[in-house]
PDB file of N, CA and C in Angstrom:
ATOM      1  N   UNK A   1      52.827 -84.162 -13.989  1.00  0.00           N
ATOM      2  CA  UNK A   1      52.957 -84.214 -12.414  1.00  0.00           C
ATOM      3  C   UNK A   1      53.913 -83.095 -11.802  1.00  0.00           C
ATOM      4  N   UNK A   2      54.619 -82.606 -12.559  1.00  0.00           N
ATOM      5  CA  UNK A   2      55.511 -81.457 -11.717  1.00  0.00           C
ATOM      6  C   UNK A   2      54.763 -80.203 -12.020  1.00  0.00           C
ATOM      7  N   UNK A   3      54.038 -79.955 -13.006  1.00  0.00           N
ATOM      8  CA  UNK A   3      53.301 -78.785 -13.211  1.00  0.00           C
ATOM      9  C   UNK A   3      52.235 -78.794 -12.368  1.00  0.00           C
ATOM     10  N   UNK A   4      51.391 -79.780 -11.790  1.00  0.00           N
ATOM     11  CA  UNK A   4      50.436 -79.790 -10.974  1.00  0.00           C
ATOM     12  C   UNK A   4      50.972 -79.531  -9.674  1.00  0.00           C
ATOM     13  N   UNK A   5      52.237 -80.210  -9.095  1.00  0.00           N
ATOM     14  CA  UNK A   5      52.723 -80.035  -8.158  1.00  0.00           C
ATOM     15  C   UNK A   5      52.990 -78.542  -7.728  1.00  0.00           C
ATOM     16  N   UNK A   6      53.679 -77.844  -8.869  1.00  0.00           N
ATOM     17  CA  UNK A   6      53.860 -76.256  -8.766  1.00  0.00           C
ATOM     18  C   UNK A   6      52.472 -75.759  -8.522  1.00  0.00           C
ATOM     19  N   UNK A   7      51.866 -75.971  -9.168  1.00  0.00           N
ATOM     20  CA  UNK A   7      50.405 -75.264  -9.087  1.00  0.00           C
ATOM     21  C   UNK A   7      49.831 -75.166  -7.765  1.00  0.00           C
ATOM     22  N   UNK A   8      49.760 -76.547  -6.976  1.00  0.00           N
ATOM     23  CA  UNK A   8      49.565 -76.863  -5.601  1.00  0.00           C
ATOM     24  C   UNK A   8      50.340 -75.923  -4.717  1.00  0.00           C
ATOM     25  N   UNK A   9      51.428 -75.757  -4.994  1.00  0.00           N
ATOM     26  CA  UNK A   9      52.419 -74.850  -3.946  1.00  0.00           C
ATOM     27  C   UNK A   9      52.014 -73.635  -4.236  1.00  0.00           C
ATOM     28  N   UNK A  10      51.716 -73.025  -5.434  1.00  0.00           N
ATOM     29  CA  UNK A  10      51.176 -71.742  -5.748  1.00  0.00           C
ATOM     30  C   UNK A  10      49.984 -71.417  -5.052  1.00  0.00           C
ATOM     31  N   UNK A  11      48.857 -72.468  -5.115  1.00  0.00           N
ATOM     32  CA  UNK A  11      47.556 -72.240  -4.249  1.00  0.00           C
ATOM     33  C   UNK A  11      47.885 -72.122  -2.839  1.00  0.00           C
ATOM     34  N   UNK A  12      48.922 -73.201  -2.197  1.00  0.00           N
ATOM     35  CA  UNK A  12      49.203 -73.006  -0.877  1.00  0.00           C
ATOM     36  C   UNK A  12      49.691 -71.703  -0.304  1.00  0.00           C
ATOM     37  N   UNK A  13      50.688 -71.138  -1.413  1.00  0.00           N
ATOM     38  CA  UNK A  13      51.226 -69.745  -0.922  1.00  0.00           C
ATOM     39  C   UNK A  13      49.914 -68.771  -0.710  1.00  0.00           C
ATOM     40  N   UNK A  14      49.088 -68.660  -1.919  1.00  0.00           N
ATOM     41  CA  UNK A  14      48.282 -67.693  -1.925  1.00  0.00           C
ATOM     42  C   UNK A  14      47.116 -68.269  -0.777  1.00  0.00           C
ATOM     43  N   UNK A  15      46.920 -69.137  -0.147  1.00  0.00           N
ATOM     44  CA  UNK A  15      45.999 -69.597   0.751  1.00  0.00           C
ATOM     45  C   UNK A  15      46.706 -69.220   2.308  1.00  0.00           C
ATOM     46  N   UNK A  16      48.038 -69.351   2.264  1.00  0.00           N
ATOM     47  CA  UNK A  16      48.693 -68.739   3.493  1.00  0.00           C
ATOM     48  C   UNK A  16      48.743 -67.403   3.649  1.00  0.00           C
ATOM     49  N   UNK A  17      48.892 -66.653   2.429  1.00  0.00           N
ATOM     50  CA  UNK A  17      48.828 -65.166   2.541  1.00  0.00           C
ATOM     51  C   UNK A  17      47.453 -64.594   3.027  1.00  0.00           C
ATOM     52  N   UNK A  18      46.435 -65.483   2.247  1.00  0.00           N
ATOM     53  CA  UNK A  18      45.111 -65.040   2.663  1.00  0.00           C
ATOM     54  C   UNK A  18      44.820 -65.339   4.266  1.00  0.00           C
ATOM     55  N   UNK A  19      45.411 -66.580   4.527  1.00  0.00           N
ATOM     56  CA  UNK A  19      44.946 -66.753   6.073  1.00  0.00           C
ATOM     57  C   UNK A  19      45.577 -65.520   6.879  1.00  0.00           C
ATOM     58  N   UNK A  20      46.986 -65.215   6.581  1.00  0.00           N
ATOM     59  CA  UNK A  20      47.640 -64.282   7.341  1.00  0.00           C
ATOM     60  C   UNK A  20      46.799 -62.972   7.271  1.00  0.00           C
ATOM     61  N   UNK A  21      46.318 -62.547   6.161  1.00  0.00           N
ATOM     62  CA  UNK A  21      45.581 -61.275   6.064  1.00  0.00           C
ATOM     63  C   UNK A  21      44.207 -61.349   6.891  1.00  0.00           C
ATOM     64  N   UNK A  22      43.712 -62.528   6.944  1.00  0.00           N
ATOM     65  CA  UNK A  22      42.356 -62.661   7.695  1.00  0.00           C
ATOM     66  C   UNK A  22      42.679 -62.758   9.264  1.00  0.00           C
ATOM     67  N   UNK A  23      43.825 -63.190   9.484  1.00  0.00           N
ATOM     68  CA  UNK A  23      44.226 -63.118  11.113  1.00  0.00           C
ATOM     69  C   UNK A  23      44.265 -61.643  11.147  1.00  0.00           C
ATOM     70  N   UNK A  24      45.080 -61.135  10.618  1.00  0.00           N
ATOM     71  CA  UNK A  24      45.231 -59.527  10.861  1.00  0.00           C
ATOM     72  C   UNK A  24      44.034 -58.845  11.166  1.00  0.00           C
ATOM     73  N   UNK A  25      42.845 -59.089  10.209  1.00  0.00           N
ATOM     74  CA  UNK A  25      41.740 -58.703  10.241  1.00  0.00           C
ATOM     75  C   UNK A  25      40.904 -58.740  11.592  1.00  0.00           C
ATOM     76  N   UNK A  26      41.196 -60.123  11.902  1.00  0.00           N
ATOM     77  CA  UNK A  26      40.296 -60.555  13.213  1.00  0.00           C
ATOM     78  C   UNK A  26      41.021 -59.592  14.333  1.00  0.00           C
ATOM     79  N   UNK A  27      42.336 -59.752  14.477  1.00  0.00           N
ATOM     80  CA  UNK A  27      43.132 -59.197  15.693  1.00  0.00           C
ATOM     81  C   UNK A  27      42.633 -57.795  15.661  1.00  0.00           C
ATOM     82  N   UNK A  28      42.535 -56.877  14.356  1.00  0.00           N
ATOM     83  CA  UNK A  28      41.899 -55.662  14.531  1.00  0.00           C
ATOM     84  C   UNK A  28      40.517 -55.318  15.099  1.00  0.00           C
ATOM     85  N   UNK A  29      39.531 -56.659  14.585  1.00  0.00           N
ATOM     86  CA  UNK A  29      38.216 -56.470  15.048  1.00  0.00           C
ATOM     87  C   UNK A  29      38.541 -56.729  16.677  1.00  0.00           C
ATOM     88  N   UNK A  30      39.269 -57.791  17.056  1.00  0.00           N
ATOM     89  CA  UNK A  30      39.233 -57.897  18.528  1.00  0.00           C
ATOM     90  C   UNK A  30      39.700 -56.754  19.158  1.00  0.00           C
ATOM     91  N   UNK A  31      40.731 -56.087  18.829  1.00  0.00           N
ATOM     92  CA  UNK A  31      41.065 -54.975  19.375  1.00  0.00           C
ATOM     93  C   UNK A  31      40.174 -53.666  19.420  1.00  0.00           C
ATOM     94  N   UNK A  32      39.626 -53.371  18.414  1.00  0.00           N
ATOM     95  CA  UNK A  32      38.495 -52.568  18.181  1.00  0.00           C
ATOM     96  C   UNK A  32      37.249 -52.804  19.310  1.00  0.00           C
ATOM     97  N   UNK A  33      36.900 -54.072  19.412  1.00  0.00           N
ATOM     98  CA  UNK A  33      35.684 -54.453  20.158  1.00  0.00           C
ATOM     99  C   UNK A  33      36.194 -54.395  21.534  1.00  0.00           C
ATOM    100  N   UNK A  34      37.550 -54.553  21.960  1.00  0.00           N
ATOM    101  CA  UNK A  34      38.094 -54.417  23.162  1.00  0.00           C
ATOM    102  C   UNK A  34      37.860 -52.950  23.657  1.00  0.00           C
ATOM    103  N   UNK A  35      37.972 -51.952  22.648  1.00  0.00           N
ATOM    104  CA  UNK A  35      38.041 -50.456  23.060  1.00  0.00           C
ATOM    105  C   UNK A  35      36.735 -49.836  23.243  1.00  0.00           C
ATOM    106  N   UNK A  36      35.880 -50.792  23.063  1.00  0.00           N
ATOM    107  CA  UNK A  36      34.213 -50.290  23.444  1.00  0.00           C
ATOM    108  C   UNK A  36      34.067 -49.717  24.715  1.00  0.00           C
ATOM    109  N   UNK A  37      33.669 -48.468  25.139  1.00  0.00           N
ATOM    110  CA  UNK A  37      33.719 -47.647  26.396  1.00  0.00           C
ATOM    111  C   UNK A  37      32.387 -48.347  27.262  1.00  0.00           C
ATOM    112  N   UNK A  38      31.323 -48.478  26.732  1.00  0.00           N
ATOM    113  CA  UNK A  38      30.225 -49.117  27.348  1.00  0.00           C
ATOM    114  C   UNK A  38      29.792 -50.453  26.953  1.00  0.00           C
ATOM    115  N   UNK A  39      29.684 -51.457  27.876  1.00  0.00           N
ATOM    116  CA  UNK A  39      29.079 -52.843  27.247  1.00  0.00           C
ATOM    117  C   UNK A  39      27.697 -52.709  26.982  1.00  0.00           C
ATOM    118  N   UNK A  40      27.050 -52.976  25.935  1.00  0.00           N
ATOM    119  CA  UNK A  40      25.753 -52.894  25.755  1.00  0.00           C
ATOM    120  C   UNK A  40      25.027 -53.749  26.887  1.00  0.00           C
ATOM    121  N   UNK A  41      23.943 -53.436  27.005  1.00  0.00           N
ATOM    122  CA  UNK A  41      22.996 -54.061  28.286  1.00  0.00           C
ATOM    123  C   UNK A  41      22.269 -55.222  27.522  1.00  0.00           C
ATOM    124  N   UNK A  42      22.063 -56.459  28.027  1.00  0.00           N
ATOM    125  CA  UNK A  42      21.468 -57.406  27.593  1.00  0.00           C
ATOM    126  C   UNK A  42      20.083 -57.028  27.242  1.00  0.00           C
ATOM    127  N   UNK A  43      19.688 -57.710  26.003  1.00  0.00           N
ATOM    128  CA  UNK A  43      18.584 -57.586  25.365  1.00  0.00           C
ATOM    129  C   UNK A  43      17.300 -58.053  26.323  1.00  0.00           C
ATOM    130  N   UNK A  44      17.519 -59.168  26.653  1.00  0.00           N
ATOM    131  CA  UNK A  44      16.390 -59.843  27.771  1.00  0.00           C
ATOM    132  C   UNK A  44      16.896 -60.067  29.028  1.00  0.00           C
ATOM    133  N   UNK A  45      16.517 -59.243  30.060  1.00  0.00           N
ATOM    134  CA  UNK A  45      17.178 -59.426  31.587  1.00  0.00           C
ATOM    135  C   UNK A  45      15.593 -59.831  32.009  1.00  0.00           C
ATOM    136  N   UNK A  46      15.530 -60.936  32.174  1.00  0.00           N
ATOM    137  CA  UNK A  46      14.393 -61.687  32.972  1.00  0.00           C
ATOM    138  C   UNK A  46      14.470 -62.588  34.048  1.00  0.00           C
ATOM    139  N   UNK A  47      14.180 -62.394  35.139  1.00  0.00           N
ATOM    140  CA  UNK A  47      14.622 -63.430  36.273  1.00  0.00           C
ATOM    141  C   UNK A  47      13.268 -64.223  36.429  1.00  0.00           C
ATOM    142  N   UNK A  48      13.201 -65.431  36.369  1.00  0.00           N
ATOM    143  CA  UNK A  48      12.316 -66.196  36.470  1.00  0.00           C
ATOM    144  C   UNK A  48      12.143 -66.714  38.023  1.00  0.00           C
ATOM    145  N   UNK A  49      11.084 -66.682  38.660  1.00  0.00           N
ATOM    146  CA  UNK A  49      10.720 -67.061  39.790  1.00  0.00           C
ATOM    147  C   UNK A  49       9.469 -67.849  40.107  1.00  0.00           C
ATOM    148  N   UNK A  50       9.218 -68.783  40.814  1.00  0.00           N
ATOM    149  CA  UNK A  50       8.310 -69.170  41.368  1.00  0.00           C
ATOM    150  C   UNK A  50       6.970 -69.474  40.380  1.00  0.00           C
ATOM    151  N   UNK A  51       5.939 -68.882  40.486  1.00  0.00           N
ATOM    152  CA  UNK A  51       4.739 -68.679  39.668  1.00  0.00           C
ATOM    153  C   UNK A  51       5.043 -68.643  38.151  1.00  0.00           C
ATOM    154  N   UNK A  52       5.923 -67.457  37.746  1.00  0.00           N
ATOM    155  CA  UNK A  52       6.198 -67.044  36.582  1.00  0.00           C
ATOM    156  C   UNK A  52       6.785 -68.273  35.905  1.00  0.00           C
ATOM    157  N   UNK A  53       7.688 -68.831  36.595  1.00  0.00           N
ATOM    158  CA  UNK A  53       8.605 -70.099  35.825  1.00  0.00           C
ATOM    159  C   UNK A  53       7.740 -71.025  35.616  1.00  0.00           C
ATOM    160  N   UNK A  54       6.781 -71.560  36.582  1.00  0.00           N
ATOM    161  CA  UNK A  54       5.805 -72.330  36.161  1.00  0.00           C
ATOM    162  C   UNK A  54       4.750 -72.264  35.182  1.00  0.00           C
ATOM    163  N   UNK A  55       4.511 -71.075  35.337  1.00  0.00           N
ATOM    164  CA  UNK A  55       3.660 -70.728  34.039  1.00  0.00           C
ATOM    165  C   UNK A  55       4.093 -71.051  32.605  1.00  0.00           C
ATOM    166  N   UNK A  56       5.326 -70.614  32.755  1.00  0.00           N
ATOM    167  CA  UNK A  56       6.380 -70.544  31.385  1.00  0.00           C
ATOM    168  C   UNK A  56       6.448 -72.207  31.295  1.00  0.00           C
ATOM    169  N   UNK A  57       6.548 -72.835  31.863  1.00  0.00           N
ATOM    170  CA  UNK A  57       6.913 -74.331  31.836  1.00  0.00           C
ATOM    171  C   UNK A  57       5.477 -74.978  31.425  1.00  0.00           C
ATOM    172  N   UNK A  58       4.600 -74.449  31.931  1.00  0.00           N
ATOM    173  CA  UNK A  58       3.052 -75.041  31.541  1.00  0.00           C
ATOM    174  C   UNK A  58       2.678 -74.625  29.973  1.00  0.00           C
ATOM    175  N   UNK A  59       3.024 -73.540  29.802  1.00  0.00           N
ATOM    176  CA  UNK A  59       3.028 -72.965  28.470  1.00  0.00           C
ATOM    177  C   UNK A  59       3.736 -73.924  27.361  1.00  0.00           C
ATOM    178  N   UNK A  60       5.147 -74.154  27.762  1.00  0.00           N
ATOM    179  CA  UNK A  60       5.792 -74.955  26.966  1.00  0.00           C
ATOM    180  C   UNK A  60       5.147 -76.346  26.602  1.00  0.00           C
ATOM    181  N   UNK A  61       4.886 -76.850  27.961  1.00  0.00           N
ATOM    182  CA  UNK A  61       4.566 -78.275  27.811  1.00  0.00           C
ATOM    183  C   UNK A  61       3.111 -78.203  26.996  1.00  0.00           C
ATOM    184  N   UNK A  62       2.226 -77.465  27.017  1.00  0.00           N
ATOM    185  CA  UNK A  62       1.002 -77.218  26.171  1.00  0.00           C
ATOM    186  C   UNK A  62       1.445 -77.190  24.681  1.00  0.00           C
ATOM    187  N   UNK A  63       2.793 -77.076  24.300  1.00  0.00           N
ATOM    188  CA  UNK A  63       2.888 -77.214  22.826  1.00  0.00           C
ATOM    189  C   UNK A  63       3.236 -75.503  22.225  1.00  0.00           C
ATOM    190  N   UNK A  64       3.643 -74.659  23.200  1.00  0.00           N
ATOM    191  CA  UNK A  64       3.831 -73.337  22.625  1.00  0.00           C
ATOM    192  C   UNK A  64       5.308 -72.929  22.904  1.00  0.00           C
ATOM    193  N   UNK A  65       5.637 -71.976  22.071  1.00  0.00           N
ATOM    194  CA  UNK A  65       7.028 -71.324  22.282  1.00  0.00           C
ATOM    195  C   UNK A  65       7.067 -70.363  23.270  1.00  0.00           C
ATOM    196  N   UNK A  66       8.309 -70.550  24.277  1.00  0.00           N
ATOM    197  CA  UNK A  66       8.396 -69.443  25.360  1.00  0.00           C
ATOM    198  C   UNK A  66       9.751 -68.701  24.829  1.00  0.00           C
ATOM    199  N   UNK A  67      10.301 -69.072  24.172  1.00  0.00           N
ATOM    200  CA  UNK A  67      11.550 -68.252  23.767  1.00  0.00           C
ATOM    201  C   UNK A  67      11.156 -66.799  23.043  1.00  0.00           C
ATOM    202  N   UNK A  68      12.122 -65.825  23.273  1.00  0.00           N
ATOM    203  CA  UNK A  68      11.468 -64.278  22.974  1.00  0.00           C
ATOM    204  C   UNK A  68      11.422 -64.369  21.401  1.00  0.00           C
ATOM    205  N   UNK A  69      12.123 -65.139  20.469  1.00  0.00           N
ATOM    206  CA  UNK A  69      11.876 -64.887  19.232  1.00  0.00           C
ATOM    207  C   UNK A  69      10.461 -65.653  18.694  1.00  0.00           C
ATOM    208  N   UNK A  70      10.149 -66.470  19.410  1.00  0.00           N
ATOM    209  CA  UNK A  70       8.928 -67.035  18.925  1.00  0.00           C
ATOM    210  C   UNK A  70       7.597 -67.148  19.918  1.00  0.00           C
ATOM    211  N   UNK A  71       7.613 -66.368  20.935  1.00  0.00           N
ATOM    212  CA  UNK A  71       6.771 -66.538  21.982  1.00  0.00           C
ATOM    213  C   UNK A  71       5.354 -66.743  21.571  1.00  0.00           C
ATOM    214  N   UNK A  72       4.639 -67.669  22.199  1.00  0.00           N
ATOM    215  CA  UNK A  72       3.401 -68.003  21.770  1.00  0.00           C
ATOM    216  C   UNK A  72       2.843 -68.571  20.807  1.00  0.00           C
ATOM    217  N   UNK A  73       3.816 -68.711  19.847  1.00  0.00           N
ATOM    218  CA  UNK A  73       3.485 -69.685  18.508  1.00  0.00           C
ATOM    219  C   UNK A  73       3.807 -71.104  18.919  1.00  0.00           C
ATOM    220  N   UNK A  74       2.998 -71.813  17.986  1.00  0.00           N
ATOM    221  CA  UNK A  74       2.858 -73.244  18.198  1.00  0.00           C
ATOM    222  C   UNK A  74       4.001 -74.059  17.747  1.00  0.00           C
ATOM    223  N   UNK A  75       4.756 -74.867  18.706  1.00  0.00           N
ATOM    224  CA  UNK A  75       5.752 -75.576  18.253  1.00  0.00           C
ATOM    225  C   UNK A  75       5.653 -76.745  17.606  1.00  0.00           C
ATOM    226  N   UNK A  76       6.665 -77.037  16.781  1.00  0.00           N
ATOM    227  CA  UNK A  76       6.638 -78.604  16.122  1.00  0.00           C
ATOM    228  C   UNK A  76       7.887 -79.246  16.390  1.00  0.00           C
ATOM    229  N   UNK A  77       7.506 -79.810  17.619  1.00  0.00           N
ATOM    230  CA  UNK A  77       8.905 -80.616  18.248  1.00  0.00           C
ATOM    231  C   UNK A  77       9.457 -79.596  19.306  1.00  0.00           C
ATOM    232  N   UNK A  78      10.871 -80.035  19.520  1.00  0.00           N
ATOM    233  CA  UNK A  78      11.573 -79.153  20.904  1.00  0.00           C
ATOM    234  C   UNK A  78      12.052 -77.843  20.143  1.00  0.00           C
ATOM    235  N   UNK A  79      12.479 -76.966  20.951  1.00  0.00           N
ATOM    236  CA  UNK A  79      12.801 -75.787  20.685  1.00  0.00           C
ATOM    237  C   UNK A  79      14.101 -75.478  21.463  1.00  0.00           C
ATOM    238  N   UNK A  80      15.248 -75.359  20.846  1.00  0.00           N
ATOM    239  CA  UNK A  80      16.424 -75.387  21.767  1.00  0.00           C
ATOM    240  C   UNK A  80      16.558 -73.869  22.547  1.00  0.00           C
ATOM    241  N   UNK A  81      15.997 -72.997  21.653  1.00  0.00           N
ATOM    242  CA  UNK A  81      15.994 -71.580  22.430  1.00  0.00           C
ATOM    243  C   UNK A  81      14.883 -71.714  23.452  1.00  0.00           C
ATOM    244  N   UNK A  82      13.831 -72.521  23.641  1.00  0.00           N
ATOM    245  CA  UNK A  82      12.742 -72.520  24.626  1.00  0.00           C
ATOM    246  C   UNK A  82      13.579 -73.222  26.086  1.00  0.00           C
ATOM    247  N   UNK A  83      14.090 -74.395  25.318  1.00  0.00           N
ATOM    248  CA  UNK A  83      14.863 -75.047  26.579  1.00  0.00           C
ATOM    249  C   UNK A  83      15.905 -74.357  26.935  1.00  0.00           C
ATOM    250  N   UNK A  84      16.666 -73.794  26.561  1.00  0.00           N
ATOM    251  CA  UNK A  84      17.639 -72.880  26.981  1.00  0.00           C
ATOM    252  C   UNK A  84      17.142 -71.916  27.895  1.00  0.00           C
ATOM    253  N   UNK A  85      16.159 -71.166  27.358  1.00  0.00           N
ATOM    254  CA  UNK A  85      15.240 -70.221  28.375  1.00  0.00           C
ATOM    255  C   UNK A  85      14.775 -70.783  29.492  1.00  0.00           C
ATOM    256  N   UNK A  86      14.326 -72.004  29.512  1.00  0.00           N
ATOM    257  CA  UNK A  86      14.056 -72.891  30.767  1.00  0.00           C
ATOM    258  C   UNK A  86      14.888 -72.916  31.704  1.00  0.00           C
ATOM    259  N   UNK A  87      16.126 -73.307  31.227  1.00  0.00           N
ATOM    260  CA  UNK A  87      17.098 -73.874  31.929  1.00  0.00           C
ATOM    261  C   UNK A  87      17.788 -72.664  32.695  1.00  0.00           C
ATOM    262  N   UNK A  88      17.632 -71.328  32.002  1.00  0.00           N
ATOM    263  CA  UNK A  88      18.249 -70.236  32.870  1.00  0.00           C
ATOM    264  C   UNK A  88      17.757 -69.952  34.137  1.00  0.00           C
ATOM    265  N   UNK A  89      18.555 -69.601  35.082  1.00  0.00           N
ATOM    266  CA  UNK A  89      18.111 -69.293  36.461  1.00  0.00           C
ATOM    267  C   UNK A  89      18.588 -67.978  36.928  1.00  0.00           C
TER     268      UNK A  89
END
């Protein structure tokens, strides 16, 4: 029992050291990310209005994807990406 308790304490110390190292790496990555000069432009900047929005809704309800990743492919059930795309305004 005493040996297993010591082993657990050793494992706990090692894990705490590893967590500390990971926290330092995350902090460095966050600092590096904050130092980027230009924010990257959005990949898809599409504003849906009126008829375009209605057409996409019709395509979706006919059973096809309207999300950029799978546009025009048949859907098997709901697609969270398509739904999120429809809810964007």
